[in-house]
Amino acid sequence: MNILSINSHVTYGHVGNSAAVFVLQCLEIEVWPIHTVMFSNHPGYGTFRGRATDAAHIREIVEGLVEGGVLAGCDGVISGYLGTGANGAEVLAAVASVKAANPAARYCCDPVIGDDGRVYVRPDVAEFIRARALPTADVITPNQFELDWLSGGSSVTALAAAIDALHAAGPSVVLVTSLATAETPADAIDLVASDAAGRFRLRTPKLPTEIHGAGDAIAALFFAHWLRTRSAAEALWRAASSVFGILRISAGLGAREMLLVQTLDEIIAPRQVFKPEPM
């Protein structure tokens, strides 16, 4: 399997492509990365250096792939942090090129917009995701804040309606991460996946950690497992179990970043498996 991953890149740590590429390779997937930004580290550290990739550079890389005749072998495209609205337009152009070469390919949008009640991307990026990326995506993987922002609803009181709003906008598969509703225990966190087979909730213990990059890792793993199985429920438990194992071990060692090399066994075959239940 081959996946084109268009996402951020950091030199230190594991977010964006620095997370997605490794976890996908552990599943024996060939990853073709394109970086939308190149930073020294995650901005969550308070200081960082680097810059967004010029949209023309992304376009040139995709044109090179077209000219090389390799896109017919691309099974899917996943996008994450865009950096600029212009980069987003190049992502959708890349998706169109891939699907022209391989109509069976699918597009997963990880709509990196914000969290904890605030938008932390530029306004043009957030609006681009809602107006253009959402209707194009086959699979979308928002966190709870992004679900509410994209749907215009409140998942705390009307989770099903918020998910249905995303389906109505285009994606046939929805994964919601970092979910806490009135039914979620204080010491747990929920994830919900939805497709034509129904809605499925998976609950894991809440870990005392704020490690960066988990969203990028779970989006990539979920998409890969879904491409292989075409089951949102199976992709949910496989991805969530792996990421829980990564975070549990990383947090136990006091790490601020995911320790991906040290936890590669959790990516391949997680020791603790969480199974979803129909909602």
Protein backbone atom coordinates (compact mmCIF):
# COMPACT_ATOMS: atom_id res chain seq x y z
CA MET A 1 0.00 0.00 0.00
CA ASN A 2 1.18 3.53 -0.82
CA ILE A 3 -0.06 6.69 0.94
CA LEU A 4 0.75 10.29 0.06
CA SER A 5 1.00 12.20 3.35
CA ILE A 6 0.84 16.01 3.15
CA ASN A 7 1.45 17.41 6.60
CA SER A 8 3.76 19.45 8.80
CA HIS A 9 7.29 18.40 9.69
CA VAL A 10 9.40 19.07 12.78
CA THR A 11 13.06 18.28 13.27
CA TYR A 12 12.67 17.60 16.99
CA GLY A 13 9.74 15.54 18.22
CA HIS A 14 6.94 13.64 16.54
CA VAL A 15 4.04 15.62 15.14
CA GLY A 16 2.65 15.83 11.61
CA ASN A 17 4.65 13.79 9.14
CA SER A 18 7.26 13.21 11.85
CA ALA A 19 4.61 11.03 13.48
CA ALA A 20 2.57 9.76 10.53
CA VAL A 21 5.42 8.52 8.36
CA PHE A 22 6.93 6.27 11.03
CA VAL A 23 3.70 4.70 12.27
CA LEU A 24 2.61 3.95 8.70
CA GLN A 25 5.96 2.43 7.83
CA CYS A 26 5.62 0.16 10.87
CA LEU A 27 2.49 -1.21 9.16
CA GLU A 28 4.60 -1.95 6.05
CA ILE A 29 3.08 0.94 4.13
CA GLU A 30 5.13 3.01 1.70
CA VAL A 31 4.72 6.68 2.62
CA TRP A 32 5.33 9.54 0.23
CA PRO A 33 5.67 12.64 2.46
CA ILE A 34 5.25 16.26 1.42
CA HIS A 35 5.83 18.85 4.14
CA THR A 36 3.52 21.87 4.41
CA VAL A 37 5.76 23.52 7.01
CA MET A 38 9.23 22.77 8.35
CA PHE A 39 9.70 23.77 11.99
CA SER A 40 12.43 23.12 14.50
CA ASN A 41 9.88 21.73 16.97
CA HIS A 42 6.21 21.86 17.91
CA PRO A 43 5.05 25.45 18.64
CA GLY A 44 3.61 24.16 21.92
CA TYR A 45 7.08 24.51 23.43
CA GLY A 46 6.61 28.29 23.30
CA THR A 47 9.38 28.99 20.81
CA PHE A 48 10.26 27.52 17.44
CA ARG A 49 11.96 28.37 14.18
CA GLY A 50 11.08 27.58 10.59
CA ARG A 51 8.50 28.50 8.02
CA ALA A 52 5.63 27.32 5.90
CA THR A 53 6.40 25.65 2.60
CA ASP A 54 5.63 27.74 -0.45
CA ALA A 55 2.54 26.44 -2.23
CA ALA A 56 4.40 26.44 -5.54
CA HIS A 57 6.95 24.03 -4.07
CA ILE A 58 4.19 21.58 -3.12
CA ARG A 59 2.78 21.89 -6.62
CA GLU A 60 6.17 21.14 -8.17
CA ILE A 61 6.59 18.00 -6.09
CA VAL A 62 3.16 16.71 -7.09
CA GLU A 63 3.89 17.55 -10.74
CA GLY A 64 7.04 15.48 -10.44
CA LEU A 65 5.02 12.53 -9.18
CA VAL A 66 2.59 12.96 -12.08
CA GLU A 67 5.42 13.06 -14.58
CA GLY A 68 7.01 10.03 -12.96
CA GLY A 69 3.82 8.05 -13.55
CA VAL A 70 3.62 6.78 -9.97
CA LEU A 71 0.25 8.14 -8.87
CA ALA A 72 -1.65 5.16 -10.29
CA GLY A 73 -0.09 3.20 -7.44
CA CYS A 74 -1.20 5.63 -4.74
CA ASP A 75 -3.96 4.15 -2.58
CA GLY A 76 -4.75 7.23 -0.52
CA VAL A 77 -3.92 10.80 0.40
CA ILE A 78 -3.92 12.11 3.96
CA SER A 79 -3.53 15.76 4.88
CA GLY A 80 -2.97 17.41 8.24
CA TYR A 81 -1.58 20.81 9.24
CA LEU A 82 -1.74 23.09 6.19
CA GLY A 83 0.10 26.21 7.29
CA THR A 84 -1.62 28.39 4.68
CA GLY A 85 -4.84 28.36 2.68
CA ALA A 86 -2.76 28.29 -0.51
CA ASN A 87 -1.17 25.04 0.66
CA GLY A 88 -4.65 23.66 1.18
CA ALA A 89 -5.53 24.35 -2.44
CA GLU A 90 -2.45 22.38 -3.50
CA VAL A 91 -3.54 19.47 -1.28
CA LEU A 92 -6.86 19.28 -3.11
CA ALA A 93 -5.08 19.54 -6.45
CA ALA A 94 -2.90 16.62 -5.39
CA VAL A 95 -6.00 14.63 -4.40
CA ALA A 96 -7.52 15.33 -7.82
CA SER A 97 -4.32 14.16 -9.55
CA VAL A 98 -4.20 10.97 -7.51
CA LYS A 99 -7.85 10.13 -8.12
CA ALA A 100 -7.45 10.84 -11.84
CA ALA A 101 -4.66 8.27 -11.93
CA ASN A 102 -6.37 5.84 -9.54
CA PRO A 103 -10.14 6.34 -9.10
CA ALA A 104 -10.12 3.84 -6.21
CA ALA A 105 -7.85 6.07 -4.10
CA ARG A 106 -9.38 7.84 -1.10
CA TYR A 107 -8.69 11.10 0.70
CA CYS A 108 -8.48 11.51 4.48
CA CYS A 109 -8.57 15.03 5.89
CA ASP A 110 -7.29 15.49 9.43
CA PRO A 111 -8.80 18.98 9.92
CA VAL A 112 -6.17 20.63 12.09
CA ILE A 113 -8.01 23.74 13.29
CA GLY A 114 -7.79 23.96 17.07
CA ASP A 115 -8.48 22.39 20.44
CA ASP A 116 -9.41 23.26 24.02
CA GLY A 117 -11.91 25.88 22.90
CA ARG A 118 -9.70 27.89 20.56
CA VAL A 119 -8.74 28.05 16.89
CA TYR A 120 -4.95 28.08 16.51
CA VAL A 121 -4.60 28.26 12.72
CA ARG A 122 -5.01 31.25 10.42
CA PRO A 123 -8.61 32.21 9.60
CA ASP A 124 -8.12 31.43 5.90
CA VAL A 125 -6.93 27.93 6.78
CA ALA A 126 -9.88 27.17 9.05
CA GLU A 127 -12.37 28.45 6.49
CA PHE A 128 -10.65 26.54 3.69
CA ILE A 129 -11.04 23.29 5.63
CA ARG A 130 -14.75 23.90 6.25
CA ALA A 131 -15.63 25.19 2.77
CA ARG A 132 -13.41 23.07 0.52
CA ALA A 133 -11.56 20.23 2.24
CA LEU A 134 -14.56 18.86 4.16
CA PRO A 135 -16.75 18.37 1.05
CA THR A 136 -13.85 16.71 -0.79
CA ALA A 137 -12.83 14.25 1.92
CA ASP A 138 -13.85 10.61 1.99
CA VAL A 139 -12.64 10.29 5.59
CA ILE A 140 -12.37 13.05 8.20
CA THR A 141 -10.79 12.81 11.66
CA PRO A 142 -11.61 15.87 13.82
CA ASN A 143 -11.14 16.20 17.55
CA GLN A 144 -14.19 17.26 19.54
CA PHE A 145 -13.55 20.99 19.17
CA GLU A 146 -13.03 20.62 15.40
CA LEU A 147 -16.20 18.53 15.08
CA ASP A 148 -18.23 21.30 16.71
CA TRP A 149 -16.54 24.03 14.69
CA LEU A 150 -17.10 22.25 11.38
CA SER A 151 -20.66 21.13 12.12
CA GLY A 152 -21.85 24.29 13.84
CA GLY A 153 -23.33 22.11 16.57
CA SER A 154 -22.53 20.93 20.08
CA SER A 155 -21.31 17.37 20.39
CA VAL A 156 -21.68 17.51 24.17
CA THR A 157 -25.47 17.61 23.87
CA ALA A 158 -26.03 16.40 20.29
CA LEU A 159 -23.16 14.17 19.20
CA ALA A 160 -25.15 12.26 16.59
CA ALA A 161 -26.38 15.46 14.96
CA ALA A 162 -22.87 16.89 14.78
CA ILE A 163 -21.53 13.72 13.15
CA ASP A 164 -24.48 13.60 10.73
CA ALA A 165 -23.70 17.18 9.70
CA LEU A 166 -20.21 16.12 8.65
CA HIS A 167 -21.55 13.13 6.72
CA ALA A 168 -24.01 15.42 4.96
CA ALA A 169 -21.15 17.70 3.93
CA GLY A 170 -19.33 14.87 2.14
CA PRO A 171 -17.23 12.36 4.12
CA SER A 172 -18.62 8.84 4.33
CA VAL A 173 -16.36 8.02 7.29
CA VAL A 174 -15.93 10.14 10.42
CA LEU A 175 -13.57 9.58 13.34
CA VAL A 176 -13.93 11.87 16.37
CA THR A 177 -11.05 11.89 18.86
CA SER A 178 -10.55 13.39 22.34
CA LEU A 179 -14.28 13.21 22.98
CA ALA A 180 -15.89 14.00 26.33
CA THR A 181 -19.67 14.08 26.60
CA ALA A 182 -22.05 13.92 29.55
CA GLU A 183 -21.74 10.11 29.37
CA THR A 184 -17.93 10.05 29.49
CA PRO A 185 -16.48 9.26 32.94
CA ALA A 186 -14.04 11.81 34.33
CA ASP A 187 -11.18 9.31 34.20
CA ALA A 188 -11.80 8.26 30.59
CA ILE A 189 -11.74 9.59 27.06
CA ASP A 190 -13.98 8.52 24.18
CA LEU A 191 -13.49 8.10 20.45
CA VAL A 192 -16.34 7.60 18.00
CA ALA A 193 -16.19 6.27 14.45
CA SER A 194 -19.10 6.45 12.04
CA ASP A 195 -19.72 4.93 8.63
CA ALA A 196 -22.51 3.19 6.74
CA ALA A 197 -22.39 0.30 9.22
CA GLY A 198 -23.26 2.59 12.13
CA ARG A 199 -21.64 4.55 14.95
CA PHE A 200 -19.16 2.95 17.31
CA ARG A 201 -17.74 4.28 20.58
CA LEU A 202 -14.43 3.24 22.10
CA ARG A 203 -13.42 4.30 25.62
CA THR A 204 -9.92 4.30 27.08
CA PRO A 205 -8.53 5.48 30.42
CA LYS A 206 -7.43 9.10 30.43
CA LEU A 207 -3.68 9.33 30.74
CA PRO A 208 -2.04 12.15 32.75
CA THR A 209 -0.08 13.52 29.81
CA GLU A 210 -0.11 16.25 27.19
CA ILE A 211 2.23 14.61 24.71
CA HIS A 212 2.18 16.18 21.24
CA GLY A 213 1.33 14.36 18.02
CA ALA A 214 -1.20 11.76 19.13
CA GLY A 215 -3.84 13.18 16.80
CA ASP A 216 -1.54 12.91 13.79
CA ALA A 217 -0.63 9.33 14.68
CA ILE A 218 -4.18 8.14 15.20
CA ALA A 219 -5.45 9.81 12.02
CA ALA A 220 -2.75 8.08 9.97
CA LEU A 221 -3.30 4.71 11.62
CA PHE A 222 -7.08 4.92 11.35
CA PHE A 223 -6.90 5.81 7.65
CA ALA A 224 -4.45 3.00 6.91
CA HIS A 225 -6.50 0.38 8.75
CA TRP A 226 -9.69 1.65 7.09
CA LEU A 227 -8.10 1.43 3.63
CA ARG A 228 -7.26 -2.19 4.36
CA THR A 229 -10.53 -3.26 5.98
CA ARG A 230 -13.13 -0.69 4.87
CA SER A 231 -14.48 -0.98 8.43
CA ALA A 232 -14.58 2.12 10.62
CA ALA A 233 -15.12 -0.04 13.72
CA GLU A 234 -12.06 -2.19 13.07
CA ALA A 235 -9.91 0.78 12.09
CA LEU A 236 -11.03 2.50 15.31
CA TRP A 237 -9.95 -0.23 17.71
CA ARG A 238 -6.70 -0.94 15.93
CA ALA A 239 -5.64 2.72 15.77
CA ALA A 240 -6.84 3.66 19.26
CA SER A 241 -5.22 0.64 20.91
CA SER A 242 -1.87 1.41 19.29
CA VAL A 243 -1.91 5.08 20.22
CA PHE A 244 -2.95 4.32 23.79
CA GLY A 245 0.02 1.97 24.08
CA ILE A 246 2.39 4.59 22.67
CA LEU A 247 1.12 7.26 25.06
CA ARG A 248 1.04 4.96 28.09
CA ILE A 249 4.68 3.98 27.71
CA SER A 250 5.84 7.47 26.72
CA ALA A 251 4.07 9.06 29.68
CA GLY A 252 5.42 6.43 32.04
CA LEU A 253 8.94 7.39 31.00
CA GLY A 254 8.21 11.09 31.53
CA ALA A 255 8.51 11.99 27.84
CA ARG A 256 7.09 15.18 26.31
CA GLU A 257 7.03 13.59 22.87
CA MET A 258 5.80 10.20 21.69
CA LEU A 259 8.61 7.63 21.94
CA LEU A 260 7.84 6.00 18.62
CA VAL A 261 10.97 3.91 18.17
CA GLN A 262 10.70 2.52 21.70
CA THR A 263 7.01 1.66 21.19
CA LEU A 264 6.98 0.27 17.68
CA ASP A 265 5.64 -3.06 18.98
CA GLU A 266 2.52 -1.18 20.13
CA ILE A 267 2.03 0.12 16.59
CA ILE A 268 2.28 -3.33 15.06
CA ALA A 269 0.45 -5.37 17.72
CA PRO A 270 -0.75 -3.40 20.77
CA ARG A 271 -0.61 -5.33 24.04
CA GLN A 272 -3.83 -3.85 25.39
CA VAL A 273 -6.74 -3.93 22.97
CA PHE A 274 -9.86 -1.79 23.38
CA LYS A 275 -12.94 -2.86 21.44
CA PRO A 276 -15.71 -0.46 20.34
CA GLU A 277 -19.38 -0.84 21.10
CA PRO A 278 -22.28 0.14 18.83
CA MET A 279 -24.00 3.35 19.83
